[in-house]
Amino acid sequence: MRCYPFTSSSSIAAILLFLSYNDLVAGNTATNRLNVDVYYESLCPDSIRWIKQQLLPQYDILKDYISVSFIPYGKATYWQDPNTQKWHFSCQHGIDECNGNKAQACGIHAIQNNESADKIQQLTVSLIGCAMTSRFPPSSILECAEKEGLNDQTQANINECINSSLSNELLVEYGKKTQELKPDLSFVPTITINGVNSREIQSAAQNNFFKLICDSLDGTKPSQCSACK
């Protein structure tokens, strides 16, 4: 699935494969592993807060029990110019957020294409965590890619993607995935467990994500779950 440069048709095929792989990342065949999808925006204060306060502090404990997928789109919209076929976006927090969403989509995509399978989830969480806790998430993805130790090819592909139509195509696919969410996305970030989106999961994820995972796991759980009552 290595790419760069893409032709238009191969871009779409690669993106669809990438999104499908996103649902299977990091050993998802493990029977006790929960799929955690994070629908977020690069400049959303609540997204930043959740990643910083709920996901990152407990990730090392939970990493063998969850498969995390990031969907950087949120309440954005997109449309295509019928004459030029160019994609246009409008984001809740302005053009900078659109650019940040694209950059993070490029980072996720490049990791999927260039890093070893056993490192994909860890590097993705590290990259997004670094960007979302930086002073200005939309412009920090390249700096974070270097800081978090992504290989040279991954870093080069992120840069190429950001400066190409691929970034638009990735964001469109994330938009389609967000639009498929049921019930419809009404709050950012929205967290789903094994594809389920509910008020109960949303409330628990926002207040105590660690406990939510402990309560949702069947069978083997992290020993620290015993402290969650």
C-alpha atoms as a PDB file:
ATOM      1  CA  MET A   1       0.000   0.000   0.000  1.00  0.00           C
ATOM      2  CA  ARG A   2       2.984   2.269  -0.335  1.00  0.00           C
ATOM      3  CA  CYS A   3       2.178   5.210  -2.511  1.00  0.00           C
ATOM      4  CA  TYR A   4       3.411   8.683  -3.396  1.00  0.00           C
ATOM      5  CA  PRO A   5       2.881  10.029  -5.842  1.00  0.00           C
ATOM      6  CA  PHE A   6      -0.747   8.918  -6.365  1.00  0.00           C
ATOM      7  CA  THR A   7      -2.756   9.041  -9.511  1.00  0.00           C
ATOM      8  CA  SER A   8      -6.349  10.120  -8.925  1.00  0.00           C
ATOM      9  CA  SER A   9      -7.766   6.593  -9.141  1.00  0.00           C
ATOM     10  CA  SER A  10      -5.042   5.022  -7.033  1.00  0.00           C
ATOM     11  CA  SER A  11      -5.514   7.755  -4.433  1.00  0.00           C
ATOM     12  CA  ILE A  12      -9.126   6.786  -3.870  1.00  0.00           C
ATOM     13  CA  ALA A  13      -8.305   3.087  -3.705  1.00  0.00           C
ATOM     14  CA  ALA A  14      -5.519   3.719  -1.211  1.00  0.00           C
ATOM     15  CA  ILE A  15      -7.738   5.923   0.931  1.00  0.00           C
ATOM     16  CA  LEU A  16     -10.509   3.329   1.088  1.00  0.00           C
ATOM     17  CA  LEU A  17      -8.010   0.638   2.008  1.00  0.00           C
ATOM     18  CA  PHE A  18      -6.492   2.991   4.580  1.00  0.00           C
ATOM     19  CA  LEU A  19      -9.861   3.655   6.235  1.00  0.00           C
ATOM     20  CA  SER A  20     -10.679  -0.039   6.315  1.00  0.00           C
ATOM     21  CA  TYR A  21      -7.276  -0.769   7.825  1.00  0.00           C
ATOM     22  CA  ASN A  22      -7.903   1.973  10.361  1.00  0.00           C
ATOM     23  CA  ASP A  23     -10.645  -0.240  11.792  1.00  0.00           C
ATOM     24  CA  LEU A  24      -8.256  -3.169  12.113  1.00  0.00           C
ATOM     25  CA  VAL A  25      -5.111  -1.419  13.302  1.00  0.00           C
ATOM     26  CA  ALA A  26      -2.786  -2.729  15.995  1.00  0.00           C
ATOM     27  CA  GLY A  27      -3.769  -6.348  16.406  1.00  0.00           C
ATOM     28  CA  ASN A  28      -7.512  -5.840  16.420  1.00  0.00           C
ATOM     29  CA  THR A  29      -8.065  -9.558  16.023  1.00  0.00           C
ATOM     30  CA  ALA A  30      -7.464  -9.891  19.766  1.00  0.00           C
ATOM     31  CA  THR A  31     -10.804 -10.994  21.207  1.00  0.00           C
ATOM     32  CA  ASN A  32     -10.500  -8.743  24.239  1.00  0.00           C
ATOM     33  CA  ARG A  33      -9.603  -5.580  22.328  1.00  0.00           C
ATOM     34  CA  LEU A  34     -12.145  -2.754  22.090  1.00  0.00           C
ATOM     35  CA  ASN A  35     -12.442  -0.502  19.038  1.00  0.00           C
ATOM     36  CA  VAL A  36     -12.321   3.124  20.145  1.00  0.00           C
ATOM     37  CA  ASP A  37     -13.151   5.685  17.466  1.00  0.00           C
ATOM     38  CA  VAL A  38     -12.420   9.330  18.235  1.00  0.00           C
ATOM     39  CA  TYR A  39     -14.355  11.864  16.133  1.00  0.00           C
ATOM     40  CA  TYR A  40     -12.613  15.168  16.804  1.00  0.00           C
ATOM     41  CA  GLU A  41     -11.393  18.520  15.452  1.00  0.00           C
ATOM     42  CA  SER A  42      -7.852  19.884  15.540  1.00  0.00           C
ATOM     43  CA  LEU A  43      -8.825  23.212  17.133  1.00  0.00           C
ATOM     44  CA  CYS A  44     -11.758  22.086  19.266  1.00  0.00           C
ATOM     45  CA  PRO A  45     -11.082  22.902  22.942  1.00  0.00           C
ATOM     46  CA  ASP A  46     -13.104  19.879  24.080  1.00  0.00           C
ATOM     47  CA  SER A  47     -11.168  17.609  21.711  1.00  0.00           C
ATOM     48  CA  ILE A  48      -7.882  18.944  23.049  1.00  0.00           C
ATOM     49  CA  ARG A  49      -9.079  18.530  26.622  1.00  0.00           C
ATOM     50  CA  TRP A  50     -10.281  14.968  26.095  1.00  0.00           C
ATOM     51  CA  ILE A  51      -7.094  13.778  24.415  1.00  0.00           C
ATOM     52  CA  LYS A  52      -4.940  15.503  27.009  1.00  0.00           C
ATOM     53  CA  GLN A  53      -6.899  14.537  30.108  1.00  0.00           C
ATOM     54  CA  GLN A  54      -8.680  11.288  29.252  1.00  0.00           C
ATOM     55  CA  LEU A  55      -6.760   9.404  26.557  1.00  0.00           C
ATOM     56  CA  LEU A  56      -3.080  10.185  27.015  1.00  0.00           C
ATOM     57  CA  PRO A  57      -2.691   9.745  30.795  1.00  0.00           C
ATOM     58  CA  GLN A  58      -4.026   6.165  30.758  1.00  0.00           C
ATOM     59  CA  TYR A  59      -3.007   5.068  27.296  1.00  0.00           C
ATOM     60  CA  ASP A  60       0.046   3.051  28.356  1.00  0.00           C
ATOM     61  CA  ILE A  61      -2.167   0.988  30.650  1.00  0.00           C
ATOM     62  CA  LEU A  62      -4.925   0.521  28.072  1.00  0.00           C
ATOM     63  CA  LYS A  63      -2.911   0.163  24.853  1.00  0.00           C
ATOM     64  CA  ASP A  64      -3.103  -3.652  24.787  1.00  0.00           C
ATOM     65  CA  TYR A  65      -6.863  -3.564  25.305  1.00  0.00           C
ATOM     66  CA  ILE A  66      -8.000  -0.915  22.809  1.00  0.00           C
ATOM     67  CA  SER A  67      -7.600  -0.174  19.098  1.00  0.00           C
ATOM     68  CA  VAL A  68      -7.779   3.591  18.649  1.00  0.00           C
ATOM     69  CA  SER A  69      -8.852   5.235  15.386  1.00  0.00           C
ATOM     70  CA  PHE A  70      -8.811   9.015  14.964  1.00  0.00           C
ATOM     71  CA  ILE A  71     -11.306  10.751  12.674  1.00  0.00           C
ATOM     72  CA  PRO A  72     -10.245  14.429  12.353  1.00  0.00           C
ATOM     73  CA  TYR A  73     -13.354  16.045  10.904  1.00  0.00           C
ATOM     74  CA  GLY A  74     -16.094  16.804  13.455  1.00  0.00           C
ATOM     75  CA  LYS A  75     -18.716  19.331  12.353  1.00  0.00           C
ATOM     76  CA  ALA A  76     -16.988  20.298   9.130  1.00  0.00           C
ATOM     77  CA  THR A  77     -18.685  20.316   5.744  1.00  0.00           C
ATOM     78  CA  TYR A  78     -17.329  19.769   2.243  1.00  0.00           C
ATOM     79  CA  TRP A  79     -18.414  20.294  -1.338  1.00  0.00           C
ATOM     80  CA  GLN A  80     -16.880  19.853  -4.761  1.00  0.00           C
ATOM     81  CA  ASP A  81     -16.732  22.506  -7.453  1.00  0.00           C
ATOM     82  CA  PRO A  82     -18.458  20.920 -10.477  1.00  0.00           C
ATOM     83  CA  ASN A  83     -16.216  22.821 -12.882  1.00  0.00           C
ATOM     84  CA  THR A  84     -12.786  22.331 -11.333  1.00  0.00           C
ATOM     85  CA  GLN A  85     -13.563  19.186  -9.296  1.00  0.00           C
ATOM     86  CA  LYS A  86     -11.705  20.838  -6.431  1.00  0.00           C
ATOM     87  CA  TRP A  87     -12.823  20.095  -2.892  1.00  0.00           C
ATOM     88  CA  HIS A  88     -13.760  22.913  -0.508  1.00  0.00           C
ATOM     89  CA  PHE A  89     -14.201  22.696   3.249  1.00  0.00           C
ATOM     90  CA  SER A  90     -15.773  24.700   6.040  1.00  0.00           C
ATOM     91  CA  CYS A  91     -14.779  23.891   9.611  1.00  0.00           C
ATOM     92  CA  GLN A  92     -16.305  24.818  12.944  1.00  0.00           C
ATOM     93  CA  HIS A  93     -13.211  26.751  14.040  1.00  0.00           C
ATOM     94  CA  GLY A  94     -12.210  28.202  10.687  1.00  0.00           C
ATOM     95  CA  ILE A  95      -9.716  27.522   7.913  1.00  0.00           C
ATOM     96  CA  ASP A  96      -6.867  26.816  10.341  1.00  0.00           C
ATOM     97  CA  GLU A  97      -8.849  23.917  11.742  1.00  0.00           C
ATOM     98  CA  CYS A  98      -9.481  22.567   8.236  1.00  0.00           C
ATOM     99  CA  ASN A  99      -5.745  22.691   7.576  1.00  0.00           C
ATOM    100  CA  GLY A 100      -5.048  21.041  10.917  1.00  0.00           C
ATOM    101  CA  ASN A 101      -7.540  18.273  10.215  1.00  0.00           C
ATOM    102  CA  LYS A 102      -5.883  17.673   6.838  1.00  0.00           C
ATOM    103  CA  ALA A 103      -2.397  17.641   8.341  1.00  0.00           C
ATOM    104  CA  GLN A 104      -3.386  15.139  11.004  1.00  0.00           C
ATOM    105  CA  ALA A 105      -5.146  12.995   8.400  1.00  0.00           C
ATOM    106  CA  CYS A 106      -1.899  13.016   6.425  1.00  0.00           C
ATOM    107  CA  GLY A 107       0.039  11.995   9.514  1.00  0.00           C
ATOM    108  CA  ILE A 108      -2.272   9.071  10.236  1.00  0.00           C
ATOM    109  CA  HIS A 109      -2.164   7.986   6.601  1.00  0.00           C
ATOM    110  CA  ALA A 110       1.619   8.174   6.342  1.00  0.00           C
ATOM    111  CA  ILE A 111       2.079   6.116   9.513  1.00  0.00           C
ATOM    112  CA  GLN A 112      -0.241   3.444   8.119  1.00  0.00           C
ATOM    113  CA  ASN A 113       1.802   3.301   4.920  1.00  0.00           C
ATOM    114  CA  ASN A 114       5.362   3.440   6.223  1.00  0.00           C
ATOM    115  CA  GLU A 115       5.706   2.236   9.799  1.00  0.00           C
ATOM    116  CA  SER A 116       5.818  -1.379  10.978  1.00  0.00           C
ATOM    117  CA  ALA A 117       2.451  -2.834  11.974  1.00  0.00           C
ATOM    118  CA  ASP A 118       3.382  -3.335  15.621  1.00  0.00           C
ATOM    119  CA  LYS A 119       4.170   0.386  15.978  1.00  0.00           C
ATOM    120  CA  ILE A 120       1.241   1.920  14.120  1.00  0.00           C
ATOM    121  CA  GLN A 121      -1.122   2.502  17.026  1.00  0.00           C
ATOM    122  CA  GLN A 122       1.577   3.740  19.401  1.00  0.00           C
ATOM    123  CA  LEU A 123       3.021   6.147  16.852  1.00  0.00           C
ATOM    124  CA  THR A 124      -0.413   7.398  15.824  1.00  0.00           C
ATOM    125  CA  VAL A 125      -1.461   8.118  19.399  1.00  0.00           C
ATOM    126  CA  SER A 126       1.903   9.756  20.061  1.00  0.00           C
ATOM    127  CA  LEU A 127       1.688  11.922  16.950  1.00  0.00           C
ATOM    128  CA  ILE A 128      -1.896  13.064  17.507  1.00  0.00           C
ATOM    129  CA  GLY A 129      -1.278  13.510  21.215  1.00  0.00           C
ATOM    130  CA  CYS A 130       1.762  15.665  20.518  1.00  0.00           C
ATOM    131  CA  ALA A 131      -0.082  17.803  17.980  1.00  0.00           C
ATOM    132  CA  MET A 132      -3.223  18.233  20.072  1.00  0.00           C
ATOM    133  CA  THR A 133      -1.292  19.293  23.165  1.00  0.00           C
ATOM    134  CA  SER A 134       0.945  21.733  21.290  1.00  0.00           C
ATOM    135  CA  ARG A 135       0.493  25.494  21.289  1.00  0.00           C
ATOM    136  CA  PHE A 136      -1.150  25.442  17.878  1.00  0.00           C
ATOM    137  CA  PRO A 137      -2.243  21.967  16.687  1.00  0.00           C
ATOM    138  CA  PRO A 138      -2.847  22.854  13.000  1.00  0.00           C
ATOM    139  CA  SER A 139       0.801  23.687  12.331  1.00  0.00           C
ATOM    140  CA  SER A 140       2.569  21.218  14.607  1.00  0.00           C
ATOM    141  CA  ILE A 141       2.228  17.894  12.823  1.00  0.00           C
ATOM    142  CA  LEU A 142       5.605  17.963  11.050  1.00  0.00           C
ATOM    143  CA  GLU A 143       7.457  19.038  14.181  1.00  0.00           C
ATOM    144  CA  CYS A 144       5.666  16.331  16.158  1.00  0.00           C
ATOM    145  CA  ALA A 145       6.480  13.710  13.521  1.00  0.00           C
ATOM    146  CA  GLU A 146      10.171  14.372  14.070  1.00  0.00           C
ATOM    147  CA  LYS A 147       9.818  14.636  17.836  1.00  0.00           C
ATOM    148  CA  GLU A 148       7.954  11.320  18.106  1.00  0.00           C
ATOM    149  CA  GLY A 149      10.531   9.458  16.041  1.00  0.00           C
ATOM    150  CA  LEU A 150       8.631   8.726  12.839  1.00  0.00           C
ATOM    151  CA  ASN A 151      10.958   7.422  10.168  1.00  0.00           C
ATOM    152  CA  ASP A 152      12.292   9.662   7.418  1.00  0.00           C
ATOM    153  CA  GLN A 153       9.983   8.248   4.744  1.00  0.00           C
ATOM    154  CA  THR A 154       6.930   8.793   6.949  1.00  0.00           C
ATOM    155  CA  GLN A 155       7.949  12.388   7.589  1.00  0.00           C
ATOM    156  CA  ALA A 156       8.544  13.008   3.893  1.00  0.00           C
ATOM    157  CA  ASN A 157       5.173  11.504   2.979  1.00  0.00           C
ATOM    158  CA  ILE A 158       3.372  13.675   5.535  1.00  0.00           C
ATOM    159  CA  ASN A 159       4.903  16.771   3.975  1.00  0.00           C
ATOM    160  CA  GLU A 160       4.046  15.629   0.457  1.00  0.00           C
ATOM    161  CA  CYS A 161       0.496  14.813   1.470  1.00  0.00           C
ATOM    162  CA  ILE A 162      -0.111  18.172   3.145  1.00  0.00           C
ATOM    163  CA  ASN A 163       0.973  19.934  -0.043  1.00  0.00           C
ATOM    164  CA  SER A 164      -1.045  17.773  -2.418  1.00  0.00           C
ATOM    165  CA  SER A 165      -4.657  16.951  -3.257  1.00  0.00           C
ATOM    166  CA  LEU A 166      -4.325  13.792  -1.172  1.00  0.00           C
ATOM    167  CA  SER A 167      -4.959  15.825   1.987  1.00  0.00           C
ATOM    168  CA  ASN A 168      -8.312  16.929   0.552  1.00  0.00           C
ATOM    169  CA  GLU A 169      -9.237  13.406  -0.468  1.00  0.00           C
ATOM    170  CA  LEU A 170      -8.422  12.051   2.978  1.00  0.00           C
ATOM    171  CA  LEU A 171     -10.540  14.702   4.644  1.00  0.00           C
ATOM    172  CA  VAL A 172     -13.475  13.944   2.334  1.00  0.00           C
ATOM    173  CA  GLU A 173     -13.289  10.272   3.303  1.00  0.00           C
ATOM    174  CA  TYR A 174     -13.245  11.229   6.983  1.00  0.00           C
ATOM    175  CA  GLY A 175     -16.249  13.418   6.303  1.00  0.00           C
ATOM    176  CA  LYS A 176     -18.102  10.479   4.795  1.00  0.00           C
ATOM    177  CA  LYS A 177     -17.204   8.293   7.755  1.00  0.00           C
ATOM    178  CA  THR A 178     -18.436  10.978  10.152  1.00  0.00           C
ATOM    179  CA  GLN A 179     -21.691  11.335   8.229  1.00  0.00           C
ATOM    180  CA  GLU A 180     -22.285   7.592   8.589  1.00  0.00           C
ATOM    181  CA  LEU A 181     -22.242   7.873  12.376  1.00  0.00           C
ATOM    182  CA  LYS A 182     -25.580   6.958  13.978  1.00  0.00           C
ATOM    183  CA  PRO A 183     -27.005   8.755  15.823  1.00  0.00           C
ATOM    184  CA  ASP A 184     -25.621  11.769  13.982  1.00  0.00           C
ATOM    185  CA  LEU A 185     -22.632  13.519  15.508  1.00  0.00           C
ATOM    186  CA  SER A 186     -23.853  16.319  17.788  1.00  0.00           C
ATOM    187  CA  PHE A 187     -20.875  16.861  20.089  1.00  0.00           C
ATOM    188  CA  VAL A 188     -17.140  17.011  19.476  1.00  0.00           C
ATOM    189  CA  PRO A 189     -15.325  14.919  20.437  1.00  0.00           C
ATOM    190  CA  THR A 190     -17.602  11.928  20.038  1.00  0.00           C
ATOM    191  CA  ILE A 191     -16.210   8.623  21.268  1.00  0.00           C
ATOM    192  CA  THR A 192     -17.612   5.300  20.124  1.00  0.00           C
ATOM    193  CA  ILE A 193     -16.919   1.824  21.502  1.00  0.00           C
ATOM    194  CA  ASN A 194     -17.060  -1.044  19.010  1.00  0.00           C
ATOM    195  CA  GLY A 195     -18.973   1.235  16.667  1.00  0.00           C
ATOM    196  CA  VAL A 196     -21.671   2.072  19.206  1.00  0.00           C
ATOM    197  CA  ASN A 197     -22.543   5.741  19.675  1.00  0.00           C
ATOM    198  CA  SER A 198     -24.784   6.444  22.647  1.00  0.00           C
ATOM    199  CA  ARG A 199     -25.384   9.097  25.276  1.00  0.00           C
ATOM    200  CA  GLU A 200     -24.233   6.682  27.953  1.00  0.00           C
ATOM    201  CA  ILE A 201     -20.917   5.976  26.236  1.00  0.00           C
ATOM    202  CA  GLN A 202     -20.414   9.644  25.446  1.00  0.00           C
ATOM    203  CA  SER A 203     -21.016  10.723  29.044  1.00  0.00           C
ATOM    204  CA  ALA A 204     -18.769   8.006  30.446  1.00  0.00           C
ATOM    205  CA  ALA A 205     -16.003   8.729  27.927  1.00  0.00           C
ATOM    206  CA  GLN A 206     -15.996  12.428  28.764  1.00  0.00           C
ATOM    207  CA  ASN A 207     -15.976  11.911  32.515  1.00  0.00           C
ATOM    208  CA  ASN A 208     -13.853   8.807  33.062  1.00  0.00           C
ATOM    209  CA  PHE A 209     -12.600   7.116  29.912  1.00  0.00           C
ATOM    210  CA  PHE A 210     -10.455   4.663  31.864  1.00  0.00           C
ATOM    211  CA  LYS A 211     -13.441   3.384  33.843  1.00  0.00           C
ATOM    212  CA  LEU A 212     -15.493   3.140  30.659  1.00  0.00           C
ATOM    213  CA  ILE A 213     -12.897   0.843  29.115  1.00  0.00           C
ATOM    214  CA  CYS A 214     -12.604  -1.220  32.288  1.00  0.00           C
ATOM    215  CA  ASP A 215     -16.384  -1.623  32.444  1.00  0.00           C
ATOM    216  CA  SER A 216     -16.602  -2.480  28.740  1.00  0.00           C
ATOM    217  CA  LEU A 217     -13.916  -5.160  28.721  1.00  0.00           C
ATOM    218  CA  ASP A 218     -14.865  -8.818  29.025  1.00  0.00           C
ATOM    219  CA  GLY A 219     -12.420 -11.265  30.507  1.00  0.00           C
ATOM    220  CA  THR A 220      -8.880 -10.074  31.137  1.00  0.00           C
ATOM    221  CA  LYS A 221      -8.570  -6.450  32.235  1.00  0.00           C
ATOM    222  CA  PRO A 222      -5.691  -4.243  33.396  1.00  0.00           C
ATOM    223  CA  SER A 223      -5.002  -4.799  37.086  1.00  0.00           C
ATOM    224  CA  GLN A 224      -5.634  -1.107  37.698  1.00  0.00           C
ATOM    225  CA  CYS A 225      -9.299  -1.650  36.801  1.00  0.00           C
ATOM    226  CA  SER A 226      -9.819  -3.128  40.260  1.00  0.00           C
ATOM    227  CA  ALA A 227      -9.627   0.418  41.642  1.00  0.00           C
ATOM    228  CA  CYS A 228     -12.618   1.484  39.490  1.00  0.00           C
ATOM    229  CA  LYS A 229     -15.800   1.047  41.485  1.00  0.00           C
END
